[in-house]
Amino acid sequence: MALAEYLSDRSRLVDRALDRFLPRATTKPATIHKAMRYSLFAGGKRMRPVLTLAAAETCGGSLEAALPAACAVECIHTYSLIHDDLPCMDDDDLRRGRPTNHKVFGEGVAVLAGDALLTIAFEILASAAPRSRYSVAAQVKELAGASGSQWLIGGQVADLEGEGRKLTGNELRYIHRCKTAALLTASIRLGGMSANATTAKLAALTDFGQSLGLAFQVIDDILDVTQTTEKLGKTAGKDVKAIKATFPAIYGLEKSRAEARKLTAQAHASLKPFGRGANRLREIADYLLSREY
């Protein structure tokens, strides 16, 4: 299966599963369920859940066993986007090519929609099957840790505190590791855990995720200054406007592109223990390096 076909097929699989896991839009109180679904089914790339599924397949696991984790990480990701877009955070009016959640439902409901997606993520993950090496509690702890105050939320705090001041490269990498790479790495690790991966294989997936997550954010920084709002589906140039530290702002575009290539090469190297069995993950890494939105 070609990569484009693979990504489309796995995205549809995730969408169908998410539709089953979430309450209907008409479930009372309908407003919150409409708001949750509005952002969750807004046409995202589903990259994190696809990586969960690909990691599971790399470790010999099944798609069915990995789907709860895949859906859970997408709920966490979408909740973080809803909250990031709020006026008290990044104050953005556009996400995935349409008005942000708070522009449609109001700030109060948008906050609650994010809260509800955060909460249901763990309800979904709790339905996963235990593995001999990884209990359901271990899988829940994995996602909770990546989403908490020391990683995803901590990265957002550091990002807010860094606005308007000149950050060092190490400070910026800290933000990127927390805000982006941690959840992406957890997505990959959860795929391995669903497949009962050995400790060695899980360590290799961890290294892969950390390098890929940083590369992903470096490319995101580059696209913010090189692409249009229409292409990105979100407001282009907002990092510059907010006086945020980014890789291009600190290192320039060419060095940033070189860094993304270096990190992607490191991600590839991490997959050596899997041999050809990790070719799909390699393809995804290359796809993310060359993406235009």
C-alpha atoms as a PDB file:
ATOM      1  CA  MET A   1       0.000   0.000   0.000  1.00  0.00           C
ATOM      2  CA  ALA A   2       1.396   3.405  -1.004  1.00  0.00           C
ATOM      3  CA  LEU A   3       1.930   5.863   1.835  1.00  0.00           C
ATOM      4  CA  ALA A   4      -0.835   8.250   0.726  1.00  0.00           C
ATOM      5  CA  GLU A   5      -3.285   5.359   0.613  1.00  0.00           C
ATOM      6  CA  TYR A   6      -2.049   4.093   3.980  1.00  0.00           C
ATOM      7  CA  LEU A   7      -2.487   7.482   5.665  1.00  0.00           C
ATOM      8  CA  SER A   8      -5.972   7.879   4.201  1.00  0.00           C
ATOM      9  CA  ASP A   9      -7.016   4.352   5.184  1.00  0.00           C
ATOM     10  CA  ARG A  10      -5.735   4.625   8.754  1.00  0.00           C
ATOM     11  CA  SER A  11      -7.265   8.097   9.177  1.00  0.00           C
ATOM     12  CA  ARG A  12     -10.668   6.741   8.158  1.00  0.00           C
ATOM     13  CA  LEU A  13     -10.231   3.877  10.603  1.00  0.00           C
ATOM     14  CA  VAL A  14      -9.520   6.338  13.413  1.00  0.00           C
ATOM     15  CA  ASP A  15     -12.457   8.545  12.407  1.00  0.00           C
ATOM     16  CA  ARG A  16     -14.883   5.626  12.521  1.00  0.00           C
ATOM     17  CA  ALA A  17     -13.588   4.586  15.929  1.00  0.00           C
ATOM     18  CA  LEU A  18     -13.792   8.144  17.293  1.00  0.00           C
ATOM     19  CA  ASP A  19     -17.366   8.394  16.052  1.00  0.00           C
ATOM     20  CA  ARG A  20     -18.217   5.256  18.025  1.00  0.00           C
ATOM     21  CA  PHE A  21     -16.418   6.376  21.185  1.00  0.00           C
ATOM     22  CA  LEU A  22     -17.913   9.884  21.362  1.00  0.00           C
ATOM     23  CA  PRO A  23     -21.502  10.653  22.406  1.00  0.00           C
ATOM     24  CA  ARG A  24     -23.819  11.579  19.542  1.00  0.00           C
ATOM     25  CA  ALA A  25     -24.100  15.278  18.740  1.00  0.00           C
ATOM     26  CA  THR A  26     -27.738  15.084  19.867  1.00  0.00           C
ATOM     27  CA  THR A  27     -26.913  13.579  23.266  1.00  0.00           C
ATOM     28  CA  LYS A  28     -28.012  15.913  26.053  1.00  0.00           C
ATOM     29  CA  PRO A  29     -26.598  18.491  26.606  1.00  0.00           C
ATOM     30  CA  ALA A  30     -26.224  18.732  22.851  1.00  0.00           C
ATOM     31  CA  THR A  31     -24.150  21.920  22.819  1.00  0.00           C
ATOM     32  CA  ILE A  32     -21.091  20.348  24.418  1.00  0.00           C
ATOM     33  CA  HIS A  33     -21.193  17.268  22.217  1.00  0.00           C
ATOM     34  CA  LYS A  34     -21.572  19.380  19.084  1.00  0.00           C
ATOM     35  CA  ALA A  35     -18.596  21.490  20.193  1.00  0.00           C
ATOM     36  CA  MET A  36     -16.456  18.408  20.897  1.00  0.00           C
ATOM     37  CA  ARG A  37     -17.277  16.915  17.509  1.00  0.00           C
ATOM     38  CA  TYR A  38     -16.834  20.231  15.708  1.00  0.00           C
ATOM     39  CA  SER A  39     -13.126  20.323  16.518  1.00  0.00           C
ATOM     40  CA  LEU A  40     -12.468  16.581  16.574  1.00  0.00           C
ATOM     41  CA  PHE A  41     -13.885  16.057  13.091  1.00  0.00           C
ATOM     42  CA  ALA A  42     -12.543  19.257  11.557  1.00  0.00           C
ATOM     43  CA  GLY A  43     -10.331  17.439   9.063  1.00  0.00           C
ATOM     44  CA  GLY A  44      -7.036  17.081  10.890  1.00  0.00           C
ATOM     45  CA  LYS A  45      -4.229  14.927   9.500  1.00  0.00           C
ATOM     46  CA  ARG A  46      -4.600  12.359  12.335  1.00  0.00           C
ATOM     47  CA  MET A  47      -0.818  12.058  12.389  1.00  0.00           C
ATOM     48  CA  ARG A  48      -0.511  11.073  16.050  1.00  0.00           C
ATOM     49  CA  PRO A  49      -3.089   8.261  15.939  1.00  0.00           C
ATOM     50  CA  VAL A  50      -1.689   7.055  12.611  1.00  0.00           C
ATOM     51  CA  LEU A  51       1.723   6.838  14.262  1.00  0.00           C
ATOM     52  CA  THR A  52       0.138   4.857  17.099  1.00  0.00           C
ATOM     53  CA  LEU A  53      -1.244   2.355  14.607  1.00  0.00           C
ATOM     54  CA  ALA A  54       1.990   2.225  12.587  1.00  0.00           C
ATOM     55  CA  ALA A  55       4.047   1.597  15.727  1.00  0.00           C
ATOM     56  CA  ALA A  56       1.699  -1.207  16.738  1.00  0.00           C
ATOM     57  CA  GLU A  57       2.040  -2.811  13.302  1.00  0.00           C
ATOM     58  CA  THR A  58       5.832  -2.428  13.445  1.00  0.00           C
ATOM     59  CA  CYS A  59       5.812  -4.431  16.680  1.00  0.00           C
ATOM     60  CA  GLY A  60       3.516  -7.119  15.283  1.00  0.00           C
ATOM     61  CA  GLY A  61       0.358  -5.894  16.991  1.00  0.00           C
ATOM     62  CA  SER A  62      -3.177  -5.482  15.688  1.00  0.00           C
ATOM     63  CA  LEU A  63      -4.996  -2.349  14.626  1.00  0.00           C
ATOM     64  CA  GLU A  64      -7.962  -3.264  16.799  1.00  0.00           C
ATOM     65  CA  ALA A  65      -5.835  -3.435  19.943  1.00  0.00           C
ATOM     66  CA  ALA A  66      -4.187  -0.100  19.161  1.00  0.00           C
ATOM     67  CA  LEU A  67      -7.343   1.866  18.308  1.00  0.00           C
ATOM     68  CA  PRO A  68      -8.280   2.918  21.873  1.00  0.00           C
ATOM     69  CA  ALA A  69      -4.841   4.474  22.347  1.00  0.00           C
ATOM     70  CA  ALA A  70      -4.939   6.045  18.878  1.00  0.00           C
ATOM     71  CA  CYS A  71      -8.305   7.665  19.586  1.00  0.00           C
ATOM     72  CA  ALA A  72      -7.248   8.765  23.049  1.00  0.00           C
ATOM     73  CA  VAL A  73      -4.170  10.641  21.787  1.00  0.00           C
ATOM     74  CA  GLU A  74      -6.236  12.388  19.126  1.00  0.00           C
ATOM     75  CA  CYS A  75      -8.708  13.564  21.777  1.00  0.00           C
ATOM     76  CA  ILE A  76      -5.810  14.931  23.839  1.00  0.00           C
ATOM     77  CA  HIS A  77      -4.320  16.646  20.794  1.00  0.00           C
ATOM     78  CA  THR A  78      -7.628  18.245  19.814  1.00  0.00           C
ATOM     79  CA  TYR A  79      -8.318  19.441  23.351  1.00  0.00           C
ATOM     80  CA  SER A  80      -4.901  21.114  23.389  1.00  0.00           C
ATOM     81  CA  LEU A  81      -5.649  22.894  20.103  1.00  0.00           C
ATOM     82  CA  ILE A  82      -9.009  24.197  21.351  1.00  0.00           C
ATOM     83  CA  HIS A  83      -7.345  25.628  24.446  1.00  0.00           C
ATOM     84  CA  ASP A  84      -4.315  26.942  22.514  1.00  0.00           C
ATOM     85  CA  ASP A  85      -6.638  28.963  20.268  1.00  0.00           C
ATOM     86  CA  LEU A  86      -8.427  30.716  23.149  1.00  0.00           C
ATOM     87  CA  PRO A  87      -7.991  34.491  23.559  1.00  0.00           C
ATOM     88  CA  CYS A  88      -6.084  33.912  26.810  1.00  0.00           C
ATOM     89  CA  MET A  89      -3.570  31.707  24.973  1.00  0.00           C
ATOM     90  CA  ASP A  90      -2.681  32.173  21.273  1.00  0.00           C
ATOM     91  CA  ASP A  91      -5.912  34.049  20.450  1.00  0.00           C
ATOM     92  CA  ASP A  92      -6.482  32.496  17.037  1.00  0.00           C
ATOM     93  CA  ASP A  93      -9.597  32.689  14.878  1.00  0.00           C
ATOM     94  CA  LEU A  94      -8.788  29.912  12.418  1.00  0.00           C
ATOM     95  CA  ARG A  95      -7.974  26.229  12.817  1.00  0.00           C
ATOM     96  CA  ARG A  96      -7.966  23.542  10.129  1.00  0.00           C
ATOM     97  CA  GLY A  97      -9.400  26.010   7.650  1.00  0.00           C
ATOM     98  CA  ARG A  98     -12.460  27.083   9.635  1.00  0.00           C
ATOM     99  CA  PRO A  99     -13.367  29.236  12.634  1.00  0.00           C
ATOM    100  CA  THR A 100     -11.898  28.095  15.936  1.00  0.00           C
ATOM    101  CA  ASN A 101     -14.111  26.476  18.536  1.00  0.00           C
ATOM    102  CA  HIS A 102     -14.549  29.564  20.689  1.00  0.00           C
ATOM    103  CA  LYS A 103     -15.534  31.618  17.650  1.00  0.00           C
ATOM    104  CA  VAL A 104     -18.403  29.231  16.975  1.00  0.00           C
ATOM    105  CA  PHE A 105     -19.520  28.188  20.470  1.00  0.00           C
ATOM    106  CA  GLY A 106     -18.149  30.944  22.717  1.00  0.00           C
ATOM    107  CA  GLU A 107     -15.215  30.858  25.092  1.00  0.00           C
ATOM    108  CA  GLY A 108     -17.001  29.102  27.941  1.00  0.00           C
ATOM    109  CA  VAL A 109     -18.202  26.176  25.857  1.00  0.00           C
ATOM    110  CA  ALA A 110     -14.814  25.959  24.092  1.00  0.00           C
ATOM    111  CA  VAL A 111     -13.053  25.581  27.448  1.00  0.00           C
ATOM    112  CA  LEU A 112     -15.533  22.892  28.448  1.00  0.00           C
ATOM    113  CA  ALA A 113     -15.254  21.117  25.077  1.00  0.00           C
ATOM    114  CA  GLY A 114     -11.500  20.901  25.593  1.00  0.00           C
ATOM    115  CA  ASP A 115     -12.027  19.652  29.145  1.00  0.00           C
ATOM    116  CA  ALA A 116     -14.494  17.034  27.913  1.00  0.00           C
ATOM    117  CA  LEU A 117     -12.113  15.758  25.228  1.00  0.00           C
ATOM    118  CA  LEU A 118      -9.301  15.563  27.779  1.00  0.00           C
ATOM    119  CA  THR A 119     -11.553  13.555  30.085  1.00  0.00           C
ATOM    120  CA  ILE A 120     -12.980  11.193  27.485  1.00  0.00           C
ATOM    121  CA  ALA A 121      -9.469  10.401  26.256  1.00  0.00           C
ATOM    122  CA  PHE A 122      -8.827   8.467  29.452  1.00  0.00           C
ATOM    123  CA  GLU A 123     -12.254   6.846  29.349  1.00  0.00           C
ATOM    124  CA  ILE A 124     -11.406   5.584  25.860  1.00  0.00           C
ATOM    125  CA  LEU A 125      -7.929   4.414  26.831  1.00  0.00           C
ATOM    126  CA  ALA A 126      -9.366   2.605  29.841  1.00  0.00           C
ATOM    127  CA  SER A 127     -11.203   0.344  27.376  1.00  0.00           C
ATOM    128  CA  ALA A 128      -7.890  -0.923  25.963  1.00  0.00           C
ATOM    129  CA  ALA A 129      -6.927  -4.526  26.560  1.00  0.00           C
ATOM    130  CA  PRO A 130      -4.141  -5.215  29.063  1.00  0.00           C
ATOM    131  CA  ARG A 131      -0.936  -6.777  27.803  1.00  0.00           C
ATOM    132  CA  SER A 132       1.387  -9.060  29.730  1.00  0.00           C
ATOM    133  CA  ARG A 133       4.046  -6.335  29.854  1.00  0.00           C
ATOM    134  CA  TYR A 134       1.710  -3.323  30.055  1.00  0.00           C
ATOM    135  CA  SER A 135      -1.403  -3.107  32.178  1.00  0.00           C
ATOM    136  CA  VAL A 136      -4.207  -0.704  31.305  1.00  0.00           C
ATOM    137  CA  ALA A 137      -3.047   1.408  34.248  1.00  0.00           C
ATOM    138  CA  ALA A 138       0.443   1.614  32.708  1.00  0.00           C
ATOM    139  CA  GLN A 139      -1.044   2.774  29.403  1.00  0.00           C
ATOM    140  CA  VAL A 140      -3.187   5.388  31.132  1.00  0.00           C
ATOM    141  CA  LYS A 141      -0.174   6.582  33.139  1.00  0.00           C
ATOM    142  CA  GLU A 142       1.808   6.911  29.900  1.00  0.00           C
ATOM    143  CA  LEU A 143      -0.731   9.266  28.352  1.00  0.00           C
ATOM    144  CA  ALA A 144      -1.379  11.175  31.581  1.00  0.00           C
ATOM    145  CA  GLY A 145       2.314  11.843  32.085  1.00  0.00           C
ATOM    146  CA  ALA A 146       2.847  13.120  28.540  1.00  0.00           C
ATOM    147  CA  SER A 147      -0.211  15.371  28.832  1.00  0.00           C
ATOM    148  CA  GLY A 148       0.523  16.794  32.266  1.00  0.00           C
ATOM    149  CA  SER A 149       2.312  19.669  33.953  1.00  0.00           C
ATOM    150  CA  GLN A 150       5.830  18.432  33.215  1.00  0.00           C
ATOM    151  CA  TRP A 151       5.308  17.888  29.488  1.00  0.00           C
ATOM    152  CA  LEU A 152       2.424  19.104  27.291  1.00  0.00           C
ATOM    153  CA  ILE A 153       0.992  21.631  29.754  1.00  0.00           C
ATOM    154  CA  GLY A 154       4.439  22.541  31.026  1.00  0.00           C
ATOM    155  CA  GLY A 155       5.510  23.279  27.474  1.00  0.00           C
ATOM    156  CA  GLN A 156       2.558  25.569  26.974  1.00  0.00           C
ATOM    157  CA  VAL A 157       3.426  27.436  30.179  1.00  0.00           C
ATOM    158  CA  ALA A 158       7.038  27.845  29.057  1.00  0.00           C
ATOM    159  CA  ASP A 159       5.778  29.000  25.652  1.00  0.00           C
ATOM    160  CA  LEU A 160       3.575  31.660  27.247  1.00  0.00           C
ATOM    161  CA  GLU A 161       6.368  32.819  29.527  1.00  0.00           C
ATOM    162  CA  GLY A 162       8.755  33.032  26.582  1.00  0.00           C
ATOM    163  CA  GLU A 163       6.629  35.409  24.523  1.00  0.00           C
ATOM    164  CA  GLY A 164       8.233  38.802  23.923  1.00  0.00           C
ATOM    165  CA  ARG A 165      11.697  37.815  25.105  1.00  0.00           C
ATOM    166  CA  LYS A 166      14.721  36.323  23.413  1.00  0.00           C
ATOM    167  CA  LEU A 167      15.111  32.637  24.211  1.00  0.00           C
ATOM    168  CA  THR A 168      18.201  30.495  23.823  1.00  0.00           C
ATOM    169  CA  GLY A 169      18.232  27.482  21.546  1.00  0.00           C
ATOM    170  CA  ASN A 170      18.141  25.185  24.580  1.00  0.00           C
ATOM    171  CA  GLU A 171      15.116  26.988  26.015  1.00  0.00           C
ATOM    172  CA  LEU A 172      13.316  26.649  22.695  1.00  0.00           C
ATOM    173  CA  ARG A 173      14.156  22.948  22.460  1.00  0.00           C
ATOM    174  CA  TYR A 174      12.749  22.479  25.958  1.00  0.00           C
ATOM    175  CA  ILE A 175       9.449  24.030  24.856  1.00  0.00           C
ATOM    176  CA  HIS A 176       9.327  21.882  21.720  1.00  0.00           C
ATOM    177  CA  ARG A 177      10.194  18.681  23.598  1.00  0.00           C
ATOM    178  CA  CYS A 178       7.411  19.336  26.074  1.00  0.00           C
ATOM    179  CA  LYS A 179       4.716  20.877  23.925  1.00  0.00           C
ATOM    180  CA  THR A 180       5.043  18.746  20.799  1.00  0.00           C
ATOM    181  CA  ALA A 181       7.493  15.869  21.055  1.00  0.00           C
ATOM    182  CA  ALA A 182       6.167  14.424  24.343  1.00  0.00           C
ATOM    183  CA  LEU A 183       2.652  13.655  23.084  1.00  0.00           C
ATOM    184  CA  LEU A 184       3.940  12.459  19.725  1.00  0.00           C
ATOM    185  CA  THR A 185       6.372  10.139  21.495  1.00  0.00           C
ATOM    186  CA  ALA A 186       3.633   8.862  23.801  1.00  0.00           C
ATOM    187  CA  SER A 187       1.459   8.170  20.755  1.00  0.00           C
ATOM    188  CA  ILE A 188       4.190   5.951  19.322  1.00  0.00           C
ATOM    189  CA  ARG A 189       4.983   4.295  22.649  1.00  0.00           C
ATOM    190  CA  LEU A 190       1.315   3.493  23.233  1.00  0.00           C
ATOM    191  CA  GLY A 191       1.219   1.764  19.865  1.00  0.00           C
ATOM    192  CA  GLY A 192       4.163  -0.357  20.932  1.00  0.00           C
ATOM    193  CA  MET A 193       2.580  -1.045  24.306  1.00  0.00           C
ATOM    194  CA  SER A 194      -0.654  -2.187  22.653  1.00  0.00           C
ATOM    195  CA  ALA A 195       1.468  -4.718  20.747  1.00  0.00           C
ATOM    196  CA  ASN A 196       3.216  -5.899  23.934  1.00  0.00           C
ATOM    197  CA  ALA A 197       6.572  -4.648  22.628  1.00  0.00           C
ATOM    198  CA  THR A 198       9.719  -5.725  24.418  1.00  0.00           C
ATOM    199  CA  THR A 199      11.583  -3.220  26.567  1.00  0.00           C
ATOM    200  CA  ALA A 200      14.248  -2.871  23.887  1.00  0.00           C
ATOM    201  CA  LYS A 201      11.728  -2.221  21.131  1.00  0.00           C
ATOM    202  CA  LEU A 202       9.861   0.309  23.261  1.00  0.00           C
ATOM    203  CA  ALA A 203      13.136   2.129  23.925  1.00  0.00           C
ATOM    204  CA  ALA A 204      13.832   2.288  20.190  1.00  0.00           C
ATOM    205  CA  LEU A 205      10.333   3.655  19.541  1.00  0.00           C
ATOM    206  CA  THR A 206      10.917   6.252  22.259  1.00  0.00           C
ATOM    207  CA  ASP A 207      14.106   7.478  20.599  1.00  0.00           C
ATOM    208  CA  PHE A 208      12.323   7.576  17.262  1.00  0.00           C
ATOM    209  CA  GLY A 209       9.430   9.582  18.684  1.00  0.00           C
ATOM    210  CA  GLN A 210      11.620  12.133  20.433  1.00  0.00           C
ATOM    211  CA  SER A 211      13.634  12.878  17.289  1.00  0.00           C
ATOM    212  CA  LEU A 212      10.563  12.856  15.056  1.00  0.00           C
ATOM    213  CA  GLY A 213       8.634  15.107  17.440  1.00  0.00           C
ATOM    214  CA  LEU A 214      11.354  17.758  17.451  1.00  0.00           C
ATOM    215  CA  ALA A 215      11.683  17.554  13.663  1.00  0.00           C
ATOM    216  CA  PHE A 216       7.911  17.938  13.341  1.00  0.00           C
ATOM    217  CA  GLN A 217       7.929  21.155  15.383  1.00  0.00           C
ATOM    218  CA  VAL A 218      10.940  22.603  13.554  1.00  0.00           C
ATOM    219  CA  ILE A 219       9.072  22.100  10.269  1.00  0.00           C
ATOM    220  CA  ASP A 220       5.980  23.660  11.857  1.00  0.00           C
ATOM    221  CA  ASP A 221       8.051  26.720  12.757  1.00  0.00           C
ATOM    222  CA  ILE A 222       9.359  26.924   9.192  1.00  0.00           C
ATOM    223  CA  LEU A 223       5.896  26.608   7.657  1.00  0.00           C
ATOM    224  CA  ASP A 224       4.566  29.401   9.875  1.00  0.00           C
ATOM    225  CA  VAL A 225       6.843  31.852   8.068  1.00  0.00           C
ATOM    226  CA  THR A 226       6.918  30.311   4.577  1.00  0.00           C
ATOM    227  CA  GLN A 227       3.316  29.285   3.900  1.00  0.00           C
ATOM    228  CA  THR A 228       0.010  31.115   3.564  1.00  0.00           C
ATOM    229  CA  THR A 229      -2.939  30.984   5.917  1.00  0.00           C
ATOM    230  CA  GLU A 230      -4.944  29.249   3.181  1.00  0.00           C
ATOM    231  CA  LYS A 231      -2.314  26.531   2.791  1.00  0.00           C
ATOM    232  CA  LEU A 232      -1.870  25.939   6.512  1.00  0.00           C
ATOM    233  CA  GLY A 233      -5.541  26.121   7.483  1.00  0.00           C
ATOM    234  CA  LYS A 234      -4.497  28.286  10.425  1.00  0.00           C
ATOM    235  CA  THR A 235      -3.193  31.827  10.752  1.00  0.00           C
ATOM    236  CA  ALA A 236       0.248  32.071   9.170  1.00  0.00           C
ATOM    237  CA  GLY A 237       2.869  34.341  10.706  1.00  0.00           C
ATOM    238  CA  LYS A 238       1.276  34.364  14.147  1.00  0.00           C
ATOM    239  CA  ASP A 239       4.523  33.341  15.857  1.00  0.00           C
ATOM    240  CA  VAL A 240       6.280  36.400  14.460  1.00  0.00           C
ATOM    241  CA  LYS A 241       3.368  38.631  15.429  1.00  0.00           C
ATOM    242  CA  ALA A 242       3.386  37.261  18.983  1.00  0.00           C
ATOM    243  CA  ILE A 243       7.187  37.741  19.140  1.00  0.00           C
ATOM    244  CA  LYS A 244       7.618  34.042  19.837  1.00  0.00           C
ATOM    245  CA  ALA A 245      10.956  32.304  19.701  1.00  0.00           C
ATOM    246  CA  THR A 246      11.062  29.818  16.833  1.00  0.00           C
ATOM    247  CA  PHE A 247      13.808  27.905  15.062  1.00  0.00           C
ATOM    248  CA  PRO A 248      13.814  30.279  12.054  1.00  0.00           C
ATOM    249  CA  ALA A 249      13.869  33.303  14.374  1.00  0.00           C
ATOM    250  CA  ILE A 250      16.905  31.979  16.246  1.00  0.00           C
ATOM    251  CA  TYR A 251      18.802  30.077  13.554  1.00  0.00           C
ATOM    252  CA  GLY A 252      17.383  31.245  10.217  1.00  0.00           C
ATOM    253  CA  LEU A 253      15.542  29.160   7.631  1.00  0.00           C
ATOM    254  CA  GLU A 254      18.469  27.225   6.159  1.00  0.00           C
ATOM    255  CA  LYS A 255      19.885  26.127   9.501  1.00  0.00           C
ATOM    256  CA  SER A 256      16.367  25.221  10.633  1.00  0.00           C
ATOM    257  CA  ARG A 257      15.864  23.045   7.566  1.00  0.00           C
ATOM    258  CA  ALA A 258      19.225  21.409   8.212  1.00  0.00           C
ATOM    259  CA  GLU A 259      18.193  20.727  11.813  1.00  0.00           C
ATOM    260  CA  ALA A 260      14.954  19.102  10.662  1.00  0.00           C
ATOM    261  CA  ARG A 261      16.903  16.860   8.265  1.00  0.00           C
ATOM    262  CA  LYS A 262      19.373  15.948  11.026  1.00  0.00           C
ATOM    263  CA  LEU A 263      16.580  15.050  13.453  1.00  0.00           C
ATOM    264  CA  THR A 264      14.809  12.982  10.814  1.00  0.00           C
ATOM    265  CA  ALA A 265      18.043  11.082  10.161  1.00  0.00           C
ATOM    266  CA  GLN A 266      18.297  10.414  13.896  1.00  0.00           C
ATOM    267  CA  ALA A 267      14.722   9.143  13.855  1.00  0.00           C
ATOM    268  CA  HIS A 268      15.626   6.753  11.035  1.00  0.00           C
ATOM    269  CA  ALA A 269      18.677   5.509  12.927  1.00  0.00           C
ATOM    270  CA  SER A 270      16.522   4.716  15.965  1.00  0.00           C
ATOM    271  CA  LEU A 271      14.568   2.188  13.912  1.00  0.00           C
ATOM    272  CA  LYS A 272      17.542  -0.054  13.065  1.00  0.00           C
ATOM    273  CA  PRO A 273      16.484  -2.768  15.560  1.00  0.00           C
ATOM    274  CA  PHE A 274      13.293  -3.335  13.547  1.00  0.00           C
ATOM    275  CA  GLY A 275      14.956  -3.783  10.172  1.00  0.00           C
ATOM    276  CA  ARG A 276      12.564  -3.590   7.242  1.00  0.00           C
ATOM    277  CA  GLY A 277       9.630  -4.035   9.615  1.00  0.00           C
ATOM    278  CA  ALA A 278       9.758  -0.306  10.379  1.00  0.00           C
ATOM    279  CA  ASN A 279       9.666   0.871   6.769  1.00  0.00           C
ATOM    280  CA  ARG A 280       6.235   2.434   7.243  1.00  0.00           C
ATOM    281  CA  LEU A 281       7.493   4.538  10.144  1.00  0.00           C
ATOM    282  CA  ARG A 282      10.456   5.591   8.008  1.00  0.00           C
ATOM    283  CA  GLU A 283       8.113   6.645   5.217  1.00  0.00           C
ATOM    284  CA  ILE A 284       6.032   8.707   7.631  1.00  0.00           C
ATOM    285  CA  ALA A 285       9.155  10.407   8.989  1.00  0.00           C
ATOM    286  CA  ASP A 286      10.199  11.404   5.471  1.00  0.00           C
ATOM    287  CA  TYR A 287       6.680  12.562   4.677  1.00  0.00           C
ATOM    288  CA  LEU A 288       6.629  14.826   7.743  1.00  0.00           C
ATOM    289  CA  LEU A 289       9.993  16.296   6.777  1.00  0.00           C
ATOM    290  CA  SER A 290       8.750  17.280   3.324  1.00  0.00           C
ATOM    291  CA  ARG A 291       5.221  18.373   4.246  1.00  0.00           C
ATOM    292  CA  GLU A 292       3.903  21.776   3.180  1.00  0.00           C
ATOM    293  CA  TYR A 293       1.128  22.189   5.779  1.00  0.00           C
END
